[in-house]
Structure formats: structure tokens, C-alpha cells
Amino acid sequence: MGQISVFRIDLTQIEGEGDFLCPSCKAPISPDDESEVTYQVADVKTGKDGALESLTIRCKKCRSTIHLVGFEALNELDEPNEPAAWDE
């Protein structure tokens, strides 16, 4: 039985919409693909506030495990800005 590779990908370092290639076999992985043909979600970790902290997926082509991190920074980008305080 072959050895299974484990990778860590920081989503804040990915350009674009979050698509990336499997670090091992280069299979395209997209967050928009919910079919589980290319990869399978293995584990989801959320914080106390319910915000996504990390996600572990497995590439179905090469069976590599990929830990996705960096959701905290991405969540901050999605938060609406506080209204500016105007001095009167």
C-alpha cells in the first residue's frame, strides 16, 4: 500500500476565487464543486462563534489529505465595515 501525502494550504495565499490544484497530482479542486467527484470533505473545524476555522479534504485521484487554513482572514474580508463616525 502506497504512502498517502499530507499537505497544508493557506487560502490567504491563493489568488482568485479559491480554486487550486492538488499539490500531489494536480487535480483541479474548486470550492464550487459540491459533487465530491474530485475531492471529499473529511473534517470541518469551526470556532465557538460557528465561523469556519479549517477544512480537511481528501483528493479522490491520489488520496492525498489536504488541510485548508486561513478562513479567519477570509471571514474578516466578508464582514461589513463599520459605518464611519462623523465629527460634527
PDB file of N, CA and C in Angstrom:
ATOM      1  N   MET A   1       0.845  -1.167   0.000  1.00  0.00           N
ATOM      2  CA  MET A   1       0.000   0.000   0.000  1.00  0.00           C
ATOM      3  C   MET A   1       0.896   1.238   0.000  1.00  0.00           C
ATOM      4  N   GLY A   2       0.635   2.205  -0.898  1.00  0.00           N
ATOM      5  CA  GLY A   2       1.456   3.396  -1.020  1.00  0.00           C
ATOM      6  C   GLY A   2       1.214   4.382   0.111  1.00  0.00           C
ATOM      7  N   GLN A   3       2.202   5.240   0.299  1.00  0.00           N
ATOM      8  CA  GLN A   3       2.111   6.251   1.338  1.00  0.00           C
ATOM      9  C   GLN A   3       1.202   7.385   0.876  1.00  0.00           C
ATOM     10  N   ILE A   4       0.362   7.873   1.789  1.00  0.00           N
ATOM     11  CA  ILE A   4      -0.553   8.962   1.480  1.00  0.00           C
ATOM     12  C   ILE A   4       0.100  10.270   1.912  1.00  0.00           C
ATOM     13  N   SER A   5       0.099  11.246   0.998  1.00  0.00           N
ATOM     14  CA  SER A   5       0.716  12.544   1.285  1.00  0.00           C
ATOM     15  C   SER A   5      -0.262  13.442   2.028  1.00  0.00           C
ATOM     16  N   VAL A   6       0.301  14.314   2.879  1.00  0.00           N
ATOM     17  CA  VAL A   6      -0.496  15.275   3.627  1.00  0.00           C
ATOM     18  C   VAL A   6       0.058  16.669   3.322  1.00  0.00           C
ATOM     19  N   PHE A   7      -0.837  17.597   2.986  1.00  0.00           N
ATOM     20  CA  PHE A   7      -0.450  18.952   2.630  1.00  0.00           C
ATOM     21  C   PHE A   7      -1.260  19.954   3.441  1.00  0.00           C
ATOM     22  N   ARG A   8      -0.711  21.159   3.571  1.00  0.00           N
ATOM     23  CA  ARG A   8      -1.392  22.265   4.239  1.00  0.00           C
ATOM     24  C   ARG A   8      -1.417  23.423   3.256  1.00  0.00           C
ATOM     25  N   ILE A   9      -2.598  23.965   3.001  1.00  0.00           N
ATOM     26  CA  ILE A   9      -2.743  25.092   2.084  1.00  0.00           C
ATOM     27  C   ILE A   9      -3.396  26.245   2.835  1.00  0.00           C
ATOM     28  N   ASP A  10      -2.724  27.394   2.798  1.00  0.00           N
ATOM     29  CA  ASP A  10      -3.248  28.618   3.401  1.00  0.00           C
ATOM     30  C   ASP A  10      -4.036  29.353   2.322  1.00  0.00           C
ATOM     31  N   LEU A  11      -5.337  29.437   2.487  1.00  0.00           N
ATOM     32  CA  LEU A  11      -6.203  30.036   1.475  1.00  0.00           C
ATOM     33  C   LEU A  11      -5.930  31.515   1.248  1.00  0.00           C
ATOM     34  N   THR A  12      -5.289  32.174   2.213  1.00  0.00           N
ATOM     35  CA  THR A  12      -4.969  33.589   2.022  1.00  0.00           C
ATOM     36  C   THR A  12      -3.842  33.758   1.007  1.00  0.00           C
ATOM     37  N   GLN A  13      -3.164  32.674   0.675  1.00  0.00           N
ATOM     38  CA  GLN A  13      -2.059  32.730  -0.278  1.00  0.00           C
ATOM     39  C   GLN A  13      -2.479  32.331  -1.691  1.00  0.00           C
ATOM     40  N   ILE A  14      -3.764  32.032  -1.881  1.00  0.00           N
ATOM     41  CA  ILE A  14      -4.270  31.616  -3.186  1.00  0.00           C
ATOM     42  C   ILE A  14      -4.915  32.810  -3.877  1.00  0.00           C
ATOM     43  N   GLU A  15      -4.556  33.014  -5.122  1.00  0.00           N
ATOM     44  CA  GLU A  15      -5.173  34.090  -5.897  1.00  0.00           C
ATOM     45  C   GLU A  15      -6.446  33.562  -6.538  1.00  0.00           C
ATOM     46  N   GLY A  16      -7.396  34.458  -6.777  1.00  0.00           N
ATOM     47  CA  GLY A  16      -8.619  34.074  -7.460  1.00  0.00           C
ATOM     48  C   GLY A  16      -9.742  33.738  -6.501  1.00  0.00           C
ATOM     49  N   GLU A  17     -10.590  32.834  -6.924  1.00  0.00           N
ATOM     50  CA  GLU A  17     -11.813  32.510  -6.194  1.00  0.00           C
ATOM     51  C   GLU A  17     -11.669  31.315  -5.257  1.00  0.00           C
ATOM     52  N   GLY A  18     -10.453  30.839  -5.024  1.00  0.00           N
ATOM     53  CA  GLY A  18     -10.252  29.721  -4.117  1.00  0.00           C
ATOM     54  C   GLY A  18      -9.969  28.404  -4.805  1.00  0.00           C
ATOM     55  N   ASP A  19      -9.959  28.397  -6.135  1.00  0.00           N
ATOM     56  CA  ASP A  19      -9.609  27.178  -6.870  1.00  0.00           C
ATOM     57  C   ASP A  19      -8.105  26.937  -6.741  1.00  0.00           C
ATOM     58  N   PHE A  20      -7.696  25.684  -6.663  1.00  0.00           N
ATOM     59  CA  PHE A  20      -6.278  25.341  -6.628  1.00  0.00           C
ATOM     60  C   PHE A  20      -6.115  23.925  -7.148  1.00  0.00           C
ATOM     61  N   LEU A  21      -4.876  23.559  -7.408  1.00  0.00           N
ATOM     62  CA  LEU A  21      -4.569  22.210  -7.866  1.00  0.00           C
ATOM     63  C   LEU A  21      -4.099  21.378  -6.687  1.00  0.00           C
ATOM     64  N   CYS A  22      -4.460  20.121  -6.690  1.00  0.00           N
ATOM     65  CA  CYS A  22      -3.963  19.216  -5.663  1.00  0.00           C
ATOM     66  C   CYS A  22      -2.434  19.291  -5.701  1.00  0.00           C
ATOM     67  N   PRO A  23      -1.794  19.510  -4.560  1.00  0.00           N
ATOM     68  CA  PRO A  23      -0.330  19.611  -4.546  1.00  0.00           C
ATOM     69  C   PRO A  23       0.382  18.345  -5.008  1.00  0.00           C
ATOM     70  N   SER A  24      -0.291  17.209  -4.954  1.00  0.00           N
ATOM     71  CA  SER A  24       0.340  15.953  -5.323  1.00  0.00           C
ATOM     72  C   SER A  24       0.104  15.580  -6.790  1.00  0.00           C
ATOM     73  N   CYS A  25      -1.151  15.537  -7.206  1.00  0.00           N
ATOM     74  CA  CYS A  25      -1.467  15.032  -8.550  1.00  0.00           C
ATOM     75  C   CYS A  25      -1.955  16.101  -9.518  1.00  0.00           C
ATOM     76  N   LYS A  26      -2.120  17.325  -9.032  1.00  0.00           N
ATOM     77  CA  LYS A  26      -2.541  18.483  -9.844  1.00  0.00           C
ATOM     78  C   LYS A  26      -3.992  18.406 -10.304  1.00  0.00           C
ATOM     79  N   ALA A  27      -4.810  17.588  -9.664  1.00  0.00           N
ATOM     80  CA  ALA A  27      -6.247  17.562  -9.974  1.00  0.00           C
ATOM     81  C   ALA A  27      -6.843  18.913  -9.570  1.00  0.00           C
ATOM     82  N   PRO A  28      -7.699  19.502 -10.402  1.00  0.00           N
ATOM     83  CA  PRO A  28      -8.293  20.798 -10.052  1.00  0.00           C
ATOM     84  C   PRO A  28      -9.298  20.653  -8.913  1.00  0.00           C
ATOM     85  N   ILE A  29      -9.161  21.504  -7.894  1.00  0.00           N
ATOM     86  CA  ILE A  29     -10.063  21.485  -6.751  1.00  0.00           C
ATOM     87  C   ILE A  29     -10.713  22.852  -6.654  1.00  0.00           C
ATOM     88  N   SER A  30     -12.029  22.865  -6.643  1.00  0.00           N
ATOM     89  CA  SER A  30     -12.780  24.113  -6.607  1.00  0.00           C
ATOM     90  C   SER A  30     -13.766  24.085  -5.449  1.00  0.00           C
ATOM     91  N   PRO A  31     -13.866  25.200  -4.707  1.00  0.00           N
ATOM     92  CA  PRO A  31     -14.849  25.246  -3.617  1.00  0.00           C
ATOM     93  C   PRO A  31     -16.285  25.215  -4.130  1.00  0.00           C
ATOM     94  N   ASP A  32     -16.463  25.495  -5.420  1.00  0.00           N
ATOM     95  CA  ASP A  32     -17.807  25.472  -6.006  1.00  0.00           C
ATOM     96  C   ASP A  32     -18.263  24.068  -6.390  1.00  0.00           C
ATOM     97  N   ASP A  33     -17.338  23.110  -6.423  1.00  0.00           N
ATOM     98  CA  ASP A  33     -17.664  21.736  -6.801  1.00  0.00           C
ATOM     99  C   ASP A  33     -18.193  20.977  -5.592  1.00  0.00           C
ATOM    100  N   GLU A  34     -19.476  20.753  -5.559  1.00  0.00           N
ATOM    101  CA  GLU A  34     -20.101  20.030  -4.447  1.00  0.00           C
ATOM    102  C   GLU A  34     -20.408  18.581  -4.803  1.00  0.00           C
ATOM    103  N   SER A  35     -19.933  18.119  -5.953  1.00  0.00           N
ATOM    104  CA  SER A  35     -20.251  16.776  -6.434  1.00  0.00           C
ATOM    105  C   SER A  35     -19.456  15.681  -5.733  1.00  0.00           C
ATOM    106  N   GLU A  36     -18.341  16.040  -5.082  1.00  0.00           N
ATOM    107  CA  GLU A  36     -17.432  15.082  -4.452  1.00  0.00           C
ATOM    108  C   GLU A  36     -16.853  14.091  -5.453  1.00  0.00           C
ATOM    109  N   VAL A  37     -16.741  14.498  -6.727  1.00  0.00           N
ATOM    110  CA  VAL A  37     -16.100  13.660  -7.735  1.00  0.00           C
ATOM    111  C   VAL A  37     -14.584  13.761  -7.598  1.00  0.00           C
ATOM    112  N   THR A  38     -14.071  14.972  -7.371  1.00  0.00           N
ATOM    113  CA  THR A  38     -12.627  15.200  -7.293  1.00  0.00           C
ATOM    114  C   THR A  38     -12.100  15.069  -5.880  1.00  0.00           C
ATOM    115  N   TYR A  39     -12.854  15.555  -4.913  1.00  0.00           N
ATOM    116  CA  TYR A  39     -12.404  15.510  -3.527  1.00  0.00           C
ATOM    117  C   TYR A  39     -13.572  15.251  -2.599  1.00  0.00           C
ATOM    118  N   GLN A  40     -13.249  14.844  -1.374  1.00  0.00           N
ATOM    119  CA  GLN A  40     -14.248  14.547  -0.353  1.00  0.00           C
ATOM    120  C   GLN A  40     -13.882  15.305   0.914  1.00  0.00           C
ATOM    121  N   VAL A  41     -14.850  15.942   1.539  1.00  0.00           N
ATOM    122  CA  VAL A  41     -14.616  16.634   2.807  1.00  0.00           C
ATOM    123  C   VAL A  41     -14.456  15.576   3.892  1.00  0.00           C
ATOM    124  N   ALA A  42     -13.330  15.646   4.617  1.00  0.00           N
ATOM    125  CA  ALA A  42     -13.047  14.662   5.651  1.00  0.00           C
ATOM    126  C   ALA A  42     -13.300  15.213   7.052  1.00  0.00           C
ATOM    127  N   ASP A  43     -13.070  16.534   7.252  1.00  0.00           N
ATOM    128  CA  ASP A  43     -13.235  17.104   8.579  1.00  0.00           C
ATOM    129  C   ASP A  43     -13.459  18.604   8.459  1.00  0.00           C
ATOM    130  N   VAL A  44     -14.302  19.127   9.334  1.00  0.00           N
ATOM    131  CA  VAL A  44     -14.596  20.558   9.385  1.00  0.00           C
ATOM    132  C   VAL A  44     -14.413  21.019  10.823  1.00  0.00           C
ATOM    133  N   LYS A  45     -13.657  22.097  11.013  1.00  0.00           N
ATOM    134  CA  LYS A  45     -13.485  22.662  12.352  1.00  0.00           C
ATOM    135  C   LYS A  45     -14.027  24.083  12.341  1.00  0.00           C
ATOM    136  N   THR A  46     -14.886  24.360  13.338  1.00  0.00           N
ATOM    137  CA  THR A  46     -15.448  25.701  13.475  1.00  0.00           C
ATOM    138  C   THR A  46     -15.104  26.248  14.853  1.00  0.00           C
ATOM    139  N   GLY A  47     -15.123  27.559  14.948  1.00  0.00           N
ATOM    140  CA  GLY A  47     -14.863  28.218  16.226  1.00  0.00           C
ATOM    141  C   GLY A  47     -16.122  28.251  17.067  1.00  0.00           C
ATOM    142  N   LYS A  48     -16.015  28.846  18.247  1.00  0.00           N
ATOM    143  CA  LYS A  48     -17.159  28.945  19.150  1.00  0.00           C
ATOM    144  C   LYS A  48     -18.281  29.778  18.554  1.00  0.00           C
ATOM    145  N   ASP A  49     -17.911  30.723  17.665  1.00  0.00           N
ATOM    146  CA  ASP A  49     -18.923  31.561  17.026  1.00  0.00           C
ATOM    147  C   ASP A  49     -19.527  30.912  15.781  1.00  0.00           C
ATOM    148  N   GLY A  50     -19.080  29.698  15.464  1.00  0.00           N
ATOM    149  CA  GLY A  50     -19.603  28.975  14.311  1.00  0.00           C
ATOM    150  C   GLY A  50     -18.869  29.272  13.022  1.00  0.00           C
ATOM    151  N   ALA A  51     -17.887  30.164  13.067  1.00  0.00           N
ATOM    152  CA  ALA A  51     -17.130  30.508  11.864  1.00  0.00           C
ATOM    153  C   ALA A  51     -16.170  29.369  11.514  1.00  0.00           C
ATOM    154  N   LEU A  52     -16.018  29.117  10.245  1.00  0.00           N
ATOM    155  CA  LEU A  52     -15.137  28.068   9.756  1.00  0.00           C
ATOM    156  C   LEU A  52     -13.688  28.408  10.079  1.00  0.00           C
ATOM    157  N   GLU A  53     -12.961  27.456  10.685  1.00  0.00           N
ATOM    158  CA  GLU A  53     -11.550  27.648  11.016  1.00  0.00           C
ATOM    159  C   GLU A  53     -10.637  26.853  10.105  1.00  0.00           C
ATOM    160  N   SER A  54     -10.994  25.600   9.853  1.00  0.00           N
ATOM    161  CA  SER A  54     -10.190  24.770   8.955  1.00  0.00           C
ATOM    162  C   SER A  54     -11.068  23.686   8.345  1.00  0.00           C
ATOM    163  N   LEU A  55     -10.570  23.172   7.232  1.00  0.00           N
ATOM    164  CA  LEU A  55     -11.289  22.148   6.489  1.00  0.00           C
ATOM    165  C   LEU A  55     -10.260  21.140   6.018  1.00  0.00           C
ATOM    166  N   THR A  56     -10.547  19.873   6.170  1.00  0.00           N
ATOM    167  CA  THR A  56      -9.663  18.827   5.674  1.00  0.00           C
ATOM    168  C   THR A  56     -10.401  18.087   4.573  1.00  0.00           C
ATOM    169  N   ILE A  57      -9.726  17.987   3.418  1.00  0.00           N
ATOM    170  CA  ILE A  57     -10.317  17.271   2.285  1.00  0.00           C
ATOM    171  C   ILE A  57      -9.361  16.168   1.848  1.00  0.00           C
ATOM    172  N   ARG A  58      -9.893  15.211   1.090  1.00  0.00           N
ATOM    173  CA  ARG A  58      -9.079  14.144   0.514  1.00  0.00           C
ATOM    174  C   ARG A  58      -9.291  14.138  -0.990  1.00  0.00           C
ATOM    175  N   CYS A  59      -8.183  14.208  -1.707  1.00  0.00           N
ATOM    176  CA  CYS A  59      -8.239  14.135  -3.162  1.00  0.00           C
ATOM    177  C   CYS A  59      -8.605  12.704  -3.546  1.00  0.00           C
ATOM    178  N   LYS A  60      -9.617  12.555  -4.384  1.00  0.00           N
ATOM    179  CA  LYS A  60     -10.045  11.209  -4.776  1.00  0.00           C
ATOM    180  C   LYS A  60      -9.146  10.603  -5.841  1.00  0.00           C
ATOM    181  N   LYS A  61      -8.364  11.450  -6.519  1.00  0.00           N
ATOM    182  CA  LYS A  61      -7.482  10.935  -7.564  1.00  0.00           C
ATOM    183  C   LYS A  61      -6.243  10.269  -6.974  1.00  0.00           C
ATOM    184  N   CYS A  62      -5.585  10.960  -6.000  1.00  0.00           N
ATOM    185  CA  CYS A  62      -4.327  10.426  -5.454  1.00  0.00           C
ATOM    186  C   CYS A  62      -4.409  10.070  -3.971  1.00  0.00           C
ATOM    187  N   ARG A  63      -5.564  10.349  -3.337  1.00  0.00           N
ATOM    188  CA  ARG A  63      -5.830  10.054  -1.931  1.00  0.00           C
ATOM    189  C   ARG A  63      -5.032  10.922  -0.961  1.00  0.00           C
ATOM    190  N   SER A  64      -4.454  12.030  -1.443  1.00  0.00           N
ATOM    191  CA  SER A  64      -3.740  12.947  -0.559  1.00  0.00           C
ATOM    192  C   SER A  64      -4.718  13.630   0.386  1.00  0.00           C
ATOM    193  N   THR A  65      -4.232  13.947   1.581  1.00  0.00           N
ATOM    194  CA  THR A  65      -5.008  14.716   2.546  1.00  0.00           C
ATOM    195  C   THR A  65      -4.536  16.155   2.476  1.00  0.00           C
ATOM    196  N   ILE A  66      -5.489  17.084   2.395  1.00  0.00           N
ATOM    197  CA  ILE A  66      -5.163  18.499   2.273  1.00  0.00           C
ATOM    198  C   ILE A  66      -5.882  19.260   3.381  1.00  0.00           C
ATOM    199  N   HIS A  67      -5.109  19.921   4.252  1.00  0.00           N
ATOM    200  CA  HIS A  67      -5.664  20.745   5.324  1.00  0.00           C
ATOM    201  C   HIS A  67      -5.727  22.182   4.811  1.00  0.00           C
ATOM    202  N   LEU A  68      -6.918  22.725   4.748  1.00  0.00           N
ATOM    203  CA  LEU A  68      -7.118  24.096   4.291  1.00  0.00           C
ATOM    204  C   LEU A  68      -7.258  25.002   5.506  1.00  0.00           C
ATOM    205  N   VAL A  69      -6.443  26.044   5.567  1.00  0.00           N
ATOM    206  CA  VAL A  69      -6.477  27.005   6.668  1.00  0.00           C
ATOM    207  C   VAL A  69      -6.551  28.413   6.082  1.00  0.00           C
ATOM    208  N   GLY A  70      -6.754  29.394   6.954  1.00  0.00           N
ATOM    209  CA  GLY A  70      -6.801  30.776   6.515  1.00  0.00           C
ATOM    210  C   GLY A  70      -8.206  31.328   6.416  1.00  0.00           C
ATOM    211  N   PHE A  71      -9.170  30.576   6.902  1.00  0.00           N
ATOM    212  CA  PHE A  71     -10.565  31.028   6.822  1.00  0.00           C
ATOM    213  C   PHE A  71     -10.813  32.259   7.682  1.00  0.00           C
ATOM    214  N   GLU A  72     -10.060  32.389   8.798  1.00  0.00           N
ATOM    215  CA  GLU A  72     -10.271  33.538   9.677  1.00  0.00           C
ATOM    216  C   GLU A  72     -10.050  34.834   8.915  1.00  0.00           C
ATOM    217  N   ALA A  73      -8.968  34.910   8.154  1.00  0.00           N
ATOM    218  CA  ALA A  73      -8.670  36.117   7.378  1.00  0.00           C
ATOM    219  C   ALA A  73      -9.721  36.333   6.296  1.00  0.00           C
ATOM    220  N   LEU A  74     -10.188  35.268   5.687  1.00  0.00           N
ATOM    221  CA  LEU A  74     -11.206  35.398   4.644  1.00  0.00           C
ATOM    222  C   LEU A  74     -12.533  35.838   5.247  1.00  0.00           C
ATOM    223  N   ASN A  75     -12.843  35.360   6.457  1.00  0.00           N
ATOM    224  CA  ASN A  75     -14.080  35.777   7.122  1.00  0.00           C
ATOM    225  C   ASN A  75     -14.048  37.263   7.419  1.00  0.00           C
ATOM    226  N   GLU A  76     -12.875  37.788   7.778  1.00  0.00           N
ATOM    227  CA  GLU A  76     -12.745  39.217   8.047  1.00  0.00           C
ATOM    228  C   GLU A  76     -13.042  40.044   6.799  1.00  0.00           C
ATOM    229  N   LEU A  77     -12.671  39.522   5.634  1.00  0.00           N
ATOM    230  CA  LEU A  77     -12.940  40.231   4.388  1.00  0.00           C
ATOM    231  C   LEU A  77     -14.434  40.303   4.098  1.00  0.00           C
ATOM    232  N   ASP A  78     -15.186  39.306   4.557  1.00  0.00           N
ATOM    233  CA  ASP A  78     -16.624  39.257   4.303  1.00  0.00           C
ATOM    234  C   ASP A  78     -17.436  40.109   5.268  1.00  0.00           C
ATOM    235  N   GLU A  79     -16.829  40.512   6.406  1.00  0.00           N
ATOM    236  CA  GLU A  79     -17.566  41.285   7.399  1.00  0.00           C
ATOM    237  C   GLU A  79     -17.800  42.696   6.888  1.00  0.00           C
ATOM    238  N   PRO A  80     -19.002  43.227   7.085  1.00  0.00           N
ATOM    239  CA  PRO A  80     -19.258  44.593   6.643  1.00  0.00           C
ATOM    240  C   PRO A  80     -18.440  45.580   7.469  1.00  0.00           C
ATOM    241  N   ASN A  81     -18.027  46.645   6.820  1.00  0.00           N
ATOM    242  CA  ASN A  81     -17.266  47.690   7.510  1.00  0.00           C
ATOM    243  C   ASN A  81     -18.170  48.458   8.443  1.00  0.00           C
ATOM    244  N   GLU A  82     -17.603  48.907   9.553  1.00  0.00           N
ATOM    245  CA  GLU A  82     -18.349  49.735  10.496  1.00  0.00           C
ATOM    246  C   GLU A  82     -18.605  51.079   9.837  1.00  0.00           C
ATOM    247  N   PRO A  83     -19.767  51.663  10.050  1.00  0.00           N
ATOM    248  CA  PRO A  83     -20.015  52.999   9.490  1.00  0.00           C
ATOM    249  C   PRO A  83     -19.028  53.995  10.076  1.00  0.00           C
ATOM    250  N   ALA A  84     -18.628  54.935   9.247  1.00  0.00           N
ATOM    251  CA  ALA A  84     -17.668  55.942   9.687  1.00  0.00           C
ATOM    252  C   ALA A  84     -18.340  56.889  10.667  1.00  0.00           C
ATOM    253  N   ALA A  85     -17.602  57.260  11.705  1.00  0.00           N
ATOM    254  CA  ALA A  85     -18.121  58.218  12.674  1.00  0.00           C
ATOM    255  C   ALA A  85     -17.812  59.617  12.150  1.00  0.00           C
ATOM    256  N   TRP A  86     -18.814  60.436  12.034  1.00  0.00           N
ATOM    257  CA  TRP A  86     -18.636  61.786  11.517  1.00  0.00           C
ATOM    258  C   TRP A  86     -18.534  62.763  12.662  1.00  0.00           C
ATOM    259  N   ASP A  87     -17.503  63.596  12.592  1.00  0.00           N
ATOM    260  CA  ASP A  87     -17.343  64.653  13.594  1.00  0.00           C
ATOM    261  C   ASP A  87     -18.282  65.795  13.222  1.00  0.00           C
ATOM    262  N   GLU A  88     -18.976  66.334  14.236  1.00  0.00           N
ATOM    263  CA  GLU A  88     -19.894  67.431  13.960  1.00  0.00           C
ATOM    264  C   GLU A  88     -19.353  68.715  14.456  1.00  0.00           C
TER     265      GLU A  88
END
